[in-house]
Structure formats: structure tokens, C-alpha cells
Amino acid sequence: MREGLEPLHYSTLAPAIYHVYLHPDDLDRLRGILPRVIEEARRALDAEVETLNRASLAERLRLARHREPKVAVPEGGWQIGILENTDDDVAPGDIAIYSELALPSKPEFGAGSMTKRISTRRMSGAETTARKYEPAAAAAPTVPPPAAADTAPAAEAGQAKACPTAIIEYEDNGGRKSFEMVKDEIVVGRGGRDYWTDLKLDTVPDVSREHFRLRRDPATGKFFLKDLSRLGTTIDGRKAPSSIEFVDGEKRDRNVEAEVPSPARIGLADVLYLEFRSTSNG
């Protein structure tokens, strides 16, 4: 909460939403007392706000010209969820916390409201924190629409733009986006160090870093999905077969695929959905 404080002129805002991700063993150990853990976390946040709002010595002696803006408790209270971390490199005792703070419009950010997102991770005893500001409104597509592409430097140089074989529309933490598939195979997921993705999703760790591969058969024009995730992938509500198996603790790819019709709704861990359509089928 302290990492995400945002001082305004008359008050200081605190993040209201917290997603806490634990190793599966830690979550299983705490599952029976999670309501109590969440309630005590809320009490701890209230106590921290009270501590931060205590007047300093200078303020009590009225020596300070301006009082520091007090921290405001969120109107809707503290929203805390404790979930399972499915990342491959997570170890018992590791904690990842993602918090969100909705901000009013500020001149330095331009028009419109913003969302401040803070991620705090303690992995193998080392703690890291990252912050970023994002527009609350829908973000621009990751791939420019055809009208915008006409003005791109590549078009000015006379280079031909590859025609997409499929369009994928979705909404993640960055807003509403559209992705044009121009390769015969792409990787979809959160990405990260040592994890390459063609379509990188800004979302919660329920979605794997490499969640699935989407392949187009050039001979038939059909599309096939290979699920590589821990929490699963659905195609129009039906669970796709997992292509991953663990043998003696080693992760193996069984090379199992499921055909993807057009159009189709692809669900990732039941938390994020992609609207897929082949361009050859309209």
C-alpha cells in the first residue's frame, strides 16, 4: 500500500485492490483460514493509514507551513484476493502482489483518468517493486488498422505489408486491442524473461507466460491450438486438451492440438478471452 500511495493537493490516495499470489503449497496450507487472513490484512491496512496520518512533530507545534495531505481509506474498502501462482519458477514462500489505484485526470498525464498499477514481488528473499500508469480508457491497438498502416514508414518506402490470415481482438490491463496474425504460428501468453511471445498479454499470473500456440496449416487454411498452460484453455467454452505432461518432474510437450473454428472465443484460465476470426472466412 505504501508503494502505491499517490499524493494529491488535499488528500493522498491508496490502492484499493490487491491480488496476492502464493505458491500452491502455501495456498493449500492457508486455504482453511483465508477469510481470517484477508480480514486481518484489512485491519493492518487501516492501522497503517492511521499511522501515516498522525501529525508530525512540526505539524503539532504548528511550525510547518502546510500539512501533508492525509491518506484516504478507499470508499469501497480494501478489496483483497489470495490466489494461486502458476508460474513455473515460483517457490514456496514467494509472494507476488498486484495492486491497482484509479486516479482522477492530472495535467501531466493528459486528458482522462489513469490507473496506477503496482507489482511487488518477493522471490527467493529478494523484493522488487514496479509501477506504471495506464489510461483508464481503451488503449490503442497493438497493430495499426489499415488506414494507419498506410502512413507507416514501411509503406512510404514502398514495402508491401503482409496480409493477416487471422484477427484476434481482446481486452487486457492495457485496454481493448487487436492483433493481426501474419505468421503461420504464434505464441500467446504473458511472456517474460526467457519466454518469447508474439501476442503478449498484460494480465494476471493465472495466464501462463507461454499459454498456447496457434498454428495455421498453409495447405488447408485451418487453425490449430496447442495448450501449454497450467490452468487451461477453452475454445467456445470447451476445454482444449493439454499438450503438457510431467514425467519424473520434467515438463514435456506431447504435441497435442485442437482445431479452432472461425469465429471462435478462446478463453485463457477463465480470466481473459480472445475473439478469433480467420480473414479467409470473413
C-alpha atoms as a PDB file:
ATOM      1  CA  MET A   1       0.000   0.000   0.000  1.00  0.00           C
ATOM      2  CA  ARG A   2       2.843   2.392   0.843  1.00  0.00           C
ATOM      3  CA  GLU A   3       4.475   1.697  -2.536  1.00  0.00           C
ATOM      4  CA  GLY A   4       1.310   2.783  -4.344  1.00  0.00           C
ATOM      5  CA  LEU A   5       0.418   5.988  -2.486  1.00  0.00           C
ATOM      6  CA  GLU A   6      -0.472   8.887  -4.782  1.00  0.00           C
ATOM      7  CA  PRO A   7      -0.438  12.388  -3.159  1.00  0.00           C
ATOM      8  CA  LEU A   8      -2.946  14.917  -4.487  1.00  0.00           C
ATOM      9  CA  HIS A   9      -3.457  18.504  -3.313  1.00  0.00           C
ATOM     10  CA  TYR A  10      -5.876  17.817  -0.468  1.00  0.00           C
ATOM     11  CA  SER A  11      -5.531  14.067   0.069  1.00  0.00           C
ATOM     12  CA  THR A  12      -3.336  11.058  -0.629  1.00  0.00           C
ATOM     13  CA  LEU A  13      -4.928   8.113  -2.419  1.00  0.00           C
ATOM     14  CA  ALA A  14      -4.075   4.497  -1.612  1.00  0.00           C
ATOM     15  CA  PRO A  15      -4.528   1.427  -3.835  1.00  0.00           C
ATOM     16  CA  ALA A  16      -7.856  -0.252  -3.116  1.00  0.00           C
ATOM     17  CA  ILE A  17      -7.454  -3.552  -4.990  1.00  0.00           C
ATOM     18  CA  TYR A  18      -4.862  -6.197  -4.097  1.00  0.00           C
ATOM     19  CA  HIS A  19      -4.275  -9.544  -5.832  1.00  0.00           C
ATOM     20  CA  VAL A  20      -1.924 -11.720  -3.747  1.00  0.00           C
ATOM     21  CA  TYR A  21      -0.355 -14.742  -5.474  1.00  0.00           C
ATOM     22  CA  LEU A  22       1.157 -17.581  -3.426  1.00  0.00           C
ATOM     23  CA  HIS A  23       2.914 -20.837  -4.217  1.00  0.00           C
ATOM     24  CA  PRO A  24       0.333 -23.672  -4.465  1.00  0.00           C
ATOM     25  CA  ASP A  25       1.710 -25.353  -1.301  1.00  0.00           C
ATOM     26  CA  ASP A  26       1.412 -22.109   0.675  1.00  0.00           C
ATOM     27  CA  LEU A  27      -2.129 -21.559  -0.604  1.00  0.00           C
ATOM     28  CA  ASP A  28      -3.173 -25.096   0.347  1.00  0.00           C
ATOM     29  CA  ARG A  29      -1.747 -24.617   3.832  1.00  0.00           C
ATOM     30  CA  LEU A  30      -3.701 -21.375   4.354  1.00  0.00           C
ATOM     31  CA  ARG A  31      -6.887 -22.256   2.487  1.00  0.00           C
ATOM     32  CA  GLY A  32      -8.917 -23.009   5.602  1.00  0.00           C
ATOM     33  CA  ILE A  33      -8.129 -19.648   7.214  1.00  0.00           C
ATOM     34  CA  LEU A  34      -8.112 -17.378   4.154  1.00  0.00           C
ATOM     35  CA  PRO A  35     -11.136 -15.343   5.348  1.00  0.00           C
ATOM     36  CA  ARG A  36      -9.309 -14.635   8.609  1.00  0.00           C
ATOM     37  CA  VAL A  37      -6.078 -13.744   6.759  1.00  0.00           C
ATOM     38  CA  ILE A  38      -7.953 -11.304   4.496  1.00  0.00           C
ATOM     39  CA  GLU A  39      -9.786  -9.717   7.432  1.00  0.00           C
ATOM     40  CA  GLU A  40      -6.532  -9.186   9.338  1.00  0.00           C
ATOM     41  CA  ALA A  41      -4.890  -7.772   6.208  1.00  0.00           C
ATOM     42  CA  ARG A  42      -7.690  -5.190   6.012  1.00  0.00           C
ATOM     43  CA  ARG A  43      -7.177  -4.329   9.678  1.00  0.00           C
ATOM     44  CA  ALA A  44      -3.442  -3.961   9.073  1.00  0.00           C
ATOM     45  CA  LEU A  45      -4.088  -1.567   6.159  1.00  0.00           C
ATOM     46  CA  ASP A  46      -6.438   0.505   8.323  1.00  0.00           C
ATOM     47  CA  ALA A  47      -3.786   0.643  11.059  1.00  0.00           C
ATOM     48  CA  GLU A  48      -1.106   1.701   8.581  1.00  0.00           C
ATOM     49  CA  VAL A  49      -3.313   4.515   7.265  1.00  0.00           C
ATOM     50  CA  GLU A  50      -3.852   5.698  10.845  1.00  0.00           C
ATOM     51  CA  THR A  51      -0.086   5.651  11.463  1.00  0.00           C
ATOM     52  CA  LEU A  52       0.651   7.577   8.272  1.00  0.00           C
ATOM     53  CA  ASN A  53      -1.968  10.196   9.151  1.00  0.00           C
ATOM     54  CA  ARG A  54      -0.562  11.012  12.586  1.00  0.00           C
ATOM     55  CA  ALA A  55       0.647  14.597  12.647  1.00  0.00           C
ATOM     56  CA  SER A  56       4.399  15.100  12.632  1.00  0.00           C
ATOM     57  CA  LEU A  57       6.122  16.959  15.494  1.00  0.00           C
ATOM     58  CA  ALA A  58       6.468  20.070  13.314  1.00  0.00           C
ATOM     59  CA  GLU A  59       2.766  19.982  12.488  1.00  0.00           C
ATOM     60  CA  ARG A  60       1.799  19.502  16.128  1.00  0.00           C
ATOM     61  CA  LEU A  61       3.915  22.534  17.057  1.00  0.00           C
ATOM     62  CA  ARG A  62       2.392  24.403  14.090  1.00  0.00           C
ATOM     63  CA  LEU A  63       5.833  25.066  12.619  1.00  0.00           C
ATOM     64  CA  ALA A  64       5.058  23.524   9.244  1.00  0.00           C
ATOM     65  CA  ARG A  65       3.633  25.845   6.593  1.00  0.00           C
ATOM     66  CA  HIS A  66       1.467  23.148   5.009  1.00  0.00           C
ATOM     67  CA  ARG A  67       0.074  19.979   6.470  1.00  0.00           C
ATOM     68  CA  GLU A  68       0.810  16.842   4.468  1.00  0.00           C
ATOM     69  CA  PRO A  69      -2.344  15.561   2.703  1.00  0.00           C
ATOM     70  CA  LYS A  70      -3.801  12.694   4.689  1.00  0.00           C
ATOM     71  CA  VAL A  71      -4.176   9.191   3.297  1.00  0.00           C
ATOM     72  CA  ALA A  72      -7.792   8.388   2.459  1.00  0.00           C
ATOM     73  CA  VAL A  73      -9.244   4.922   3.034  1.00  0.00           C
ATOM     74  CA  PRO A  74     -10.925   3.720  -0.212  1.00  0.00           C
ATOM     75  CA  GLU A  75     -14.665   4.409  -0.209  1.00  0.00           C
ATOM     76  CA  GLY A  76     -15.455   0.803  -1.107  1.00  0.00           C
ATOM     77  CA  GLY A  77     -12.985  -0.592   1.429  1.00  0.00           C
ATOM     78  CA  TRP A  78      -9.952  -2.778   0.787  1.00  0.00           C
ATOM     79  CA  GLN A  79     -10.505  -5.463  -1.868  1.00  0.00           C
ATOM     80  CA  ILE A  80      -8.112  -8.383  -1.313  1.00  0.00           C
ATOM     81  CA  GLY A  81      -7.916 -11.670  -3.184  1.00  0.00           C
ATOM     82  CA  ILE A  82      -5.473 -14.513  -2.452  1.00  0.00           C
ATOM     83  CA  LEU A  83      -4.799 -16.725  -5.475  1.00  0.00           C
ATOM     84  CA  GLU A  84      -2.515 -19.482  -6.723  1.00  0.00           C
ATOM     85  CA  ASN A  85       0.674 -18.514  -8.572  1.00  0.00           C
ATOM     86  CA  THR A  86       1.078 -20.901 -11.516  1.00  0.00           C
ATOM     87  CA  ASP A  87       4.419 -19.590 -12.805  1.00  0.00           C
ATOM     88  CA  ASP A  88       6.991 -22.339 -13.307  1.00  0.00           C
ATOM     89  CA  ASP A  89       9.751 -20.532 -11.398  1.00  0.00           C
ATOM     90  CA  VAL A  90       7.771 -19.794  -8.221  1.00  0.00           C
ATOM     91  CA  ALA A  91       8.976 -21.421  -4.982  1.00  0.00           C
ATOM     92  CA  PRO A  92       7.367 -21.921  -1.559  1.00  0.00           C
ATOM     93  CA  GLY A  93       7.470 -18.668   0.387  1.00  0.00           C
ATOM     94  CA  ASP A  94       7.429 -16.480  -2.747  1.00  0.00           C
ATOM     95  CA  ILE A  95       4.770 -13.771  -2.827  1.00  0.00           C
ATOM     96  CA  ALA A  96       3.594 -11.576  -5.698  1.00  0.00           C
ATOM     97  CA  ILE A  97       1.176  -8.703  -5.027  1.00  0.00           C
ATOM     98  CA  TYR A  98      -0.516  -6.704  -7.787  1.00  0.00           C
ATOM     99  CA  SER A  99      -2.414  -3.616  -6.682  1.00  0.00           C
ATOM    100  CA  GLU A 100      -4.460  -1.017  -8.540  1.00  0.00           C
ATOM    101  CA  LEU A 101      -5.307   2.610  -7.871  1.00  0.00           C
ATOM    102  CA  ALA A 102      -7.752   4.585 -10.010  1.00  0.00           C
ATOM    103  CA  LEU A 103      -6.603   8.199 -10.406  1.00  0.00           C
ATOM    104  CA  PRO A 104      -8.516  11.302 -11.464  1.00  0.00           C
ATOM    105  CA  SER A 105      -7.255  13.165 -14.514  1.00  0.00           C
ATOM    106  CA  LYS A 106      -3.982  15.028 -13.941  1.00  0.00           C
ATOM    107  CA  PRO A 107      -2.497  17.641 -16.292  1.00  0.00           C
ATOM    108  CA  GLU A 108       0.876  15.926 -16.567  1.00  0.00           C
ATOM    109  CA  PHE A 109      -0.819  12.773 -17.849  1.00  0.00           C
ATOM    110  CA  GLY A 110      -3.065  14.496 -20.359  1.00  0.00           C
ATOM    111  CA  ALA A 111      -6.830  14.235 -20.574  1.00  0.00           C
ATOM    112  CA  GLY A 112      -8.742  11.398 -18.989  1.00  0.00           C
ATOM    113  CA  SER A 113      -8.327   9.331 -15.859  1.00  0.00           C
ATOM    114  CA  MET A 114      -5.439   6.961 -15.178  1.00  0.00           C
ATOM    115  CA  THR A 115      -4.858   3.690 -13.383  1.00  0.00           C
ATOM    116  CA  LYS A 116      -1.706   3.237 -11.328  1.00  0.00           C
ATOM    117  CA  ARG A 117      -0.600  -0.403 -11.213  1.00  0.00           C
ATOM    118  CA  ILE A 118       1.985  -1.597  -8.691  1.00  0.00           C
ATOM    119  CA  SER A 119       3.576  -5.029  -8.604  1.00  0.00           C
ATOM    120  CA  THR A 120       5.613  -6.091  -5.576  1.00  0.00           C
ATOM    121  CA  ARG A 121       7.369  -9.460  -5.713  1.00  0.00           C
ATOM    122  CA  ARG A 122       9.431 -11.250  -3.099  1.00  0.00           C
ATOM    123  CA  MET A 123      11.170 -14.132  -4.815  1.00  0.00           C
ATOM    124  CA  SER A 124      13.926 -16.153  -3.153  1.00  0.00           C
ATOM    125  CA  GLY A 125      14.156 -13.497  -0.430  1.00  0.00           C
ATOM    126  CA  ALA A 126      14.687 -10.581  -2.853  1.00  0.00           C
ATOM    127  CA  GLU A 127      11.949  -7.953  -3.138  1.00  0.00           C
ATOM    128  CA  THR A 128      11.273  -5.878  -6.248  1.00  0.00           C
ATOM    129  CA  THR A 129       8.644  -3.238  -6.981  1.00  0.00           C
ATOM    130  CA  ALA A 130       7.478  -1.831 -10.310  1.00  0.00           C
ATOM    131  CA  ARG A 131       4.964   0.939 -11.049  1.00  0.00           C
ATOM    132  CA  LYS A 132       3.267   2.078 -14.220  1.00  0.00           C
ATOM    133  CA  TYR A 133       0.457   4.415 -15.212  1.00  0.00           C
ATOM    134  CA  GLU A 134      -2.085   3.408 -17.838  1.00  0.00           C
ATOM    135  CA  PRO A 135      -5.042   5.229 -19.396  1.00  0.00           C
ATOM    136  CA  ALA A 136      -8.322   4.027 -17.988  1.00  0.00           C
ATOM    137  CA  ALA A 137      -9.832   4.312 -21.457  1.00  0.00           C
ATOM    138  CA  ALA A 138      -9.189   1.689 -24.111  1.00  0.00           C
ATOM    139  CA  ALA A 139      -5.625   1.690 -25.331  1.00  0.00           C
ATOM    140  CA  ALA A 140      -4.615   1.900 -28.959  1.00  0.00           C
ATOM    141  CA  PRO A 141      -4.393  -1.399 -30.847  1.00  0.00           C
ATOM    142  CA  THR A 142      -1.032  -3.118 -30.771  1.00  0.00           C
ATOM    143  CA  VAL A 143      -1.177  -3.359 -34.571  1.00  0.00           C
ATOM    144  CA  PRO A 144      -2.296  -0.254 -36.514  1.00  0.00           C
ATOM    145  CA  PRO A 145      -5.516  -0.567 -38.530  1.00  0.00           C
ATOM    146  CA  PRO A 146      -5.147  -0.445 -42.338  1.00  0.00           C
ATOM    147  CA  ALA A 147      -5.744   3.313 -42.517  1.00  0.00           C
ATOM    148  CA  ALA A 148      -2.910   3.971 -40.061  1.00  0.00           C
ATOM    149  CA  ALA A 149      -0.642   1.439 -41.736  1.00  0.00           C
ATOM    150  CA  ASP A 150      -0.758   3.466 -44.960  1.00  0.00           C
ATOM    151  CA  THR A 151       1.212   6.218 -43.230  1.00  0.00           C
ATOM    152  CA  ALA A 152       3.832   3.913 -41.689  1.00  0.00           C
ATOM    153  CA  PRO A 153       7.467   4.358 -42.780  1.00  0.00           C
ATOM    154  CA  ALA A 154       7.476   0.891 -44.364  1.00  0.00           C
ATOM    155  CA  ALA A 155       4.579   1.873 -46.603  1.00  0.00           C
ATOM    156  CA  GLU A 156       6.290   5.139 -47.545  1.00  0.00           C
ATOM    157  CA  ALA A 157       9.341   3.149 -48.593  1.00  0.00           C
ATOM    158  CA  GLY A 158       7.186   1.040 -50.885  1.00  0.00           C
ATOM    159  CA  GLN A 159       7.439  -2.145 -48.802  1.00  0.00           C
ATOM    160  CA  ALA A 160       4.470  -4.475 -49.033  1.00  0.00           C
ATOM    161  CA  LYS A 161       2.592  -5.216 -45.809  1.00  0.00           C
ATOM    162  CA  ALA A 162       1.814  -8.885 -45.226  1.00  0.00           C
ATOM    163  CA  CYS A 163      -1.900  -9.647 -45.296  1.00  0.00           C
ATOM    164  CA  PRO A 164      -3.146 -11.079 -41.983  1.00  0.00           C
ATOM    165  CA  THR A 165      -4.562 -14.597 -42.016  1.00  0.00           C
ATOM    166  CA  ALA A 166      -6.498 -14.012 -38.785  1.00  0.00           C
ATOM    167  CA  ILE A 167      -7.588 -11.215 -36.452  1.00  0.00           C
ATOM    168  CA  ILE A 168      -7.572 -11.583 -32.658  1.00  0.00           C
ATOM    169  CA  GLU A 169      -9.399  -8.982 -30.560  1.00  0.00           C
ATOM    170  CA  TYR A 170      -9.140  -8.873 -26.776  1.00  0.00           C
ATOM    171  CA  GLU A 171      -9.007  -6.639 -23.711  1.00  0.00           C
ATOM    172  CA  ASP A 172      -6.266  -6.893 -21.074  1.00  0.00           C
ATOM    173  CA  ASN A 173      -4.989  -4.464 -18.447  1.00  0.00           C
ATOM    174  CA  GLY A 174      -3.848  -2.140 -21.238  1.00  0.00           C
ATOM    175  CA  GLY A 175      -7.339  -1.812 -22.715  1.00  0.00           C
ATOM    176  CA  ARG A 176      -9.043  -3.005 -25.885  1.00  0.00           C
ATOM    177  CA  LYS A 177      -6.629  -4.248 -28.571  1.00  0.00           C
ATOM    178  CA  SER A 178      -6.473  -6.021 -31.915  1.00  0.00           C
ATOM    179  CA  PHE A 179      -3.755  -8.357 -33.169  1.00  0.00           C
ATOM    180  CA  GLU A 180      -3.150  -9.322 -36.806  1.00  0.00           C
ATOM    181  CA  MET A 181      -1.705 -12.792 -37.342  1.00  0.00           C
ATOM    182  CA  VAL A 182       0.688 -12.717 -40.296  1.00  0.00           C
ATOM    183  CA  LYS A 183       2.813 -15.756 -39.394  1.00  0.00           C
ATOM    184  CA  ASP A 184       1.814 -19.407 -39.703  1.00  0.00           C
ATOM    185  CA  GLU A 185       2.448 -19.931 -35.968  1.00  0.00           C
ATOM    186  CA  ILE A 186       2.322 -17.576 -32.989  1.00  0.00           C
ATOM    187  CA  VAL A 187       2.850 -17.892 -29.215  1.00  0.00           C
ATOM    188  CA  VAL A 188       0.300 -16.273 -26.891  1.00  0.00           C
ATOM    189  CA  GLY A 189       0.818 -15.554 -23.171  1.00  0.00           C
ATOM    190  CA  ARG A 190       2.174 -13.119 -20.583  1.00  0.00           C
ATOM    191  CA  GLY A 191       5.747 -13.559 -21.784  1.00  0.00           C
ATOM    192  CA  GLY A 192       8.720 -12.601 -19.651  1.00  0.00           C
ATOM    193  CA  ARG A 193      12.379 -13.408 -19.299  1.00  0.00           C
ATOM    194  CA  ASP A 194      13.235 -16.496 -21.370  1.00  0.00           C
ATOM    195  CA  TYR A 195       9.622 -16.628 -22.644  1.00  0.00           C
ATOM    196  CA  TRP A 196       9.085 -15.247 -26.143  1.00  0.00           C
ATOM    197  CA  THR A 197       5.523 -14.364 -27.160  1.00  0.00           C
ATOM    198  CA  ASP A 198       4.137 -12.919 -30.384  1.00  0.00           C
ATOM    199  CA  LEU A 199       0.976 -11.792 -28.613  1.00  0.00           C
ATOM    200  CA  LYS A 200       1.959 -10.590 -25.142  1.00  0.00           C
ATOM    201  CA  LEU A 201      -0.894 -10.184 -22.676  1.00  0.00           C
ATOM    202  CA  ASP A 202      -0.836  -7.774 -19.737  1.00  0.00           C
ATOM    203  CA  THR A 203      -2.888  -9.723 -17.224  1.00  0.00           C
ATOM    204  CA  VAL A 204      -2.800 -11.745 -14.003  1.00  0.00           C
ATOM    205  CA  PRO A 205      -0.496 -14.773 -13.455  1.00  0.00           C
ATOM    206  CA  ASP A 206      -3.432 -17.157 -13.948  1.00  0.00           C
ATOM    207  CA  VAL A 207      -2.493 -16.792 -17.622  1.00  0.00           C
ATOM    208  CA  SER A 208       0.779 -18.642 -18.234  1.00  0.00           C
ATOM    209  CA  ARG A 209       3.819 -16.927 -19.674  1.00  0.00           C
ATOM    210  CA  GLU A 210       3.536 -19.223 -22.688  1.00  0.00           C
ATOM    211  CA  HIS A 211      -0.153 -20.103 -22.599  1.00  0.00           C
ATOM    212  CA  PHE A 212      -0.801 -21.576 -26.040  1.00  0.00           C
ATOM    213  CA  ARG A 213       0.494 -21.791 -29.589  1.00  0.00           C
ATOM    214  CA  LEU A 214      -1.758 -21.059 -32.547  1.00  0.00           C
ATOM    215  CA  ARG A 215      -0.810 -22.650 -35.869  1.00  0.00           C
ATOM    216  CA  ARG A 216      -2.210 -22.208 -39.359  1.00  0.00           C
ATOM    217  CA  ASP A 217      -1.902 -25.065 -41.837  1.00  0.00           C
ATOM    218  CA  PRO A 218      -0.973 -23.349 -45.136  1.00  0.00           C
ATOM    219  CA  ALA A 219      -2.297 -26.301 -47.161  1.00  0.00           C
ATOM    220  CA  THR A 220      -5.826 -26.231 -45.727  1.00  0.00           C
ATOM    221  CA  GLY A 221      -6.042 -22.777 -44.149  1.00  0.00           C
ATOM    222  CA  LYS A 222      -7.267 -24.376 -40.899  1.00  0.00           C
ATOM    223  CA  PHE A 223      -6.076 -23.226 -37.476  1.00  0.00           C
ATOM    224  CA  PHE A 224      -4.942 -25.421 -34.591  1.00  0.00           C
ATOM    225  CA  LEU A 225      -4.306 -24.582 -30.910  1.00  0.00           C
ATOM    226  CA  LYS A 226      -1.766 -26.274 -28.630  1.00  0.00           C
ATOM    227  CA  ASP A 227      -2.461 -25.661 -24.933  1.00  0.00           C
ATOM    228  CA  LEU A 228       0.769 -25.217 -22.915  1.00  0.00           C
ATOM    229  CA  SER A 229      -0.771 -23.699 -19.778  1.00  0.00           C
ATOM    230  CA  ARG A 230      -1.307 -24.854 -16.209  1.00  0.00           C
ATOM    231  CA  LEU A 231      -4.883 -23.568 -15.785  1.00  0.00           C
ATOM    232  CA  GLY A 232      -6.187 -24.479 -19.211  1.00  0.00           C
ATOM    233  CA  THR A 233      -7.561 -23.014 -22.435  1.00  0.00           C
ATOM    234  CA  THR A 234     -11.101 -23.192 -23.803  1.00  0.00           C
ATOM    235  CA  ILE A 235     -12.419 -22.907 -27.356  1.00  0.00           C
ATOM    236  CA  ASP A 236     -16.032 -21.699 -27.442  1.00  0.00           C
ATOM    237  CA  GLY A 237     -16.406 -22.870 -23.847  1.00  0.00           C
ATOM    238  CA  ARG A 238     -14.977 -26.353 -24.430  1.00  0.00           C
ATOM    239  CA  LYS A 239     -11.710 -27.228 -22.719  1.00  0.00           C
ATOM    240  CA  ALA A 240      -8.832 -27.804 -25.134  1.00  0.00           C
ATOM    241  CA  PRO A 241      -6.685 -30.894 -24.411  1.00  0.00           C
ATOM    242  CA  SER A 242      -3.463 -30.095 -22.617  1.00  0.00           C
ATOM    243  CA  SER A 243      -0.293 -30.722 -24.577  1.00  0.00           C
ATOM    244  CA  ILE A 244       1.837 -30.730 -21.427  1.00  0.00           C
ATOM    245  CA  GLU A 245       2.656 -33.655 -19.178  1.00  0.00           C
ATOM    246  CA  PHE A 246       5.082 -34.029 -16.286  1.00  0.00           C
ATOM    247  CA  VAL A 247       7.251 -37.150 -16.159  1.00  0.00           C
ATOM    248  CA  ASP A 248       9.562 -37.516 -13.132  1.00  0.00           C
ATOM    249  CA  GLY A 249       9.184 -33.788 -12.528  1.00  0.00           C
ATOM    250  CA  GLU A 250      10.190 -32.943 -16.101  1.00  0.00           C
ATOM    251  CA  LYS A 251       7.850 -30.921 -18.318  1.00  0.00           C
ATOM    252  CA  ARG A 252       7.198 -32.486 -21.725  1.00  0.00           C
ATOM    253  CA  ASP A 253       5.242 -31.391 -24.800  1.00  0.00           C
ATOM    254  CA  ARG A 254       3.004 -34.174 -26.172  1.00  0.00           C
ATOM    255  CA  ASN A 255       2.315 -32.140 -29.340  1.00  0.00           C
ATOM    256  CA  VAL A 256      -1.493 -32.334 -28.935  1.00  0.00           C
ATOM    257  CA  GLU A 257      -3.590 -29.806 -30.848  1.00  0.00           C
ATOM    258  CA  ALA A 258      -7.258 -28.847 -31.148  1.00  0.00           C
ATOM    259  CA  GLU A 259      -8.814 -27.329 -34.252  1.00  0.00           C
ATOM    260  CA  VAL A 260     -10.026 -23.732 -33.908  1.00  0.00           C
ATOM    261  CA  PRO A 261     -13.124 -22.786 -35.929  1.00  0.00           C
ATOM    262  CA  SER A 262     -13.795 -19.310 -37.238  1.00  0.00           C
ATOM    263  CA  PRO A 263     -15.062 -17.345 -35.493  1.00  0.00           C
ATOM    264  CA  ALA A 264     -14.162 -18.666 -32.040  1.00  0.00           C
ATOM    265  CA  ARG A 265     -13.877 -17.411 -28.478  1.00  0.00           C
ATOM    266  CA  ILE A 266     -10.652 -18.577 -26.840  1.00  0.00           C
ATOM    267  CA  GLY A 267     -10.550 -18.472 -23.029  1.00  0.00           C
ATOM    268  CA  LEU A 268      -7.316 -18.359 -21.049  1.00  0.00           C
ATOM    269  CA  ALA A 269      -7.673 -19.753 -17.493  1.00  0.00           C
ATOM    270  CA  ASP A 270     -11.245 -18.362 -17.461  1.00  0.00           C
ATOM    271  CA  VAL A 271      -9.874 -14.869 -16.767  1.00  0.00           C
ATOM    272  CA  LEU A 272      -9.188 -13.450 -20.245  1.00  0.00           C
ATOM    273  CA  TYR A 273     -10.895 -14.101 -23.581  1.00  0.00           C
ATOM    274  CA  LEU A 274      -9.746 -13.644 -27.167  1.00  0.00           C
ATOM    275  CA  GLU A 275     -12.147 -13.186 -30.081  1.00  0.00           C
ATOM    276  CA  PHE A 276     -10.597 -15.050 -33.016  1.00  0.00           C
ATOM    277  CA  ARG A 277     -11.611 -14.996 -36.683  1.00  0.00           C
ATOM    278  CA  SER A 278      -9.923 -16.143 -39.841  1.00  0.00           C
ATOM    279  CA  THR A 279      -9.790 -13.462 -42.515  1.00  0.00           C
ATOM    280  CA  SER A 280     -10.430 -16.019 -45.233  1.00  0.00           C
ATOM    281  CA  ASN A 281     -13.789 -16.806 -43.599  1.00  0.00           C
ATOM    282  CA  GLY A 282     -14.858 -13.182 -43.319  1.00  0.00           C
END
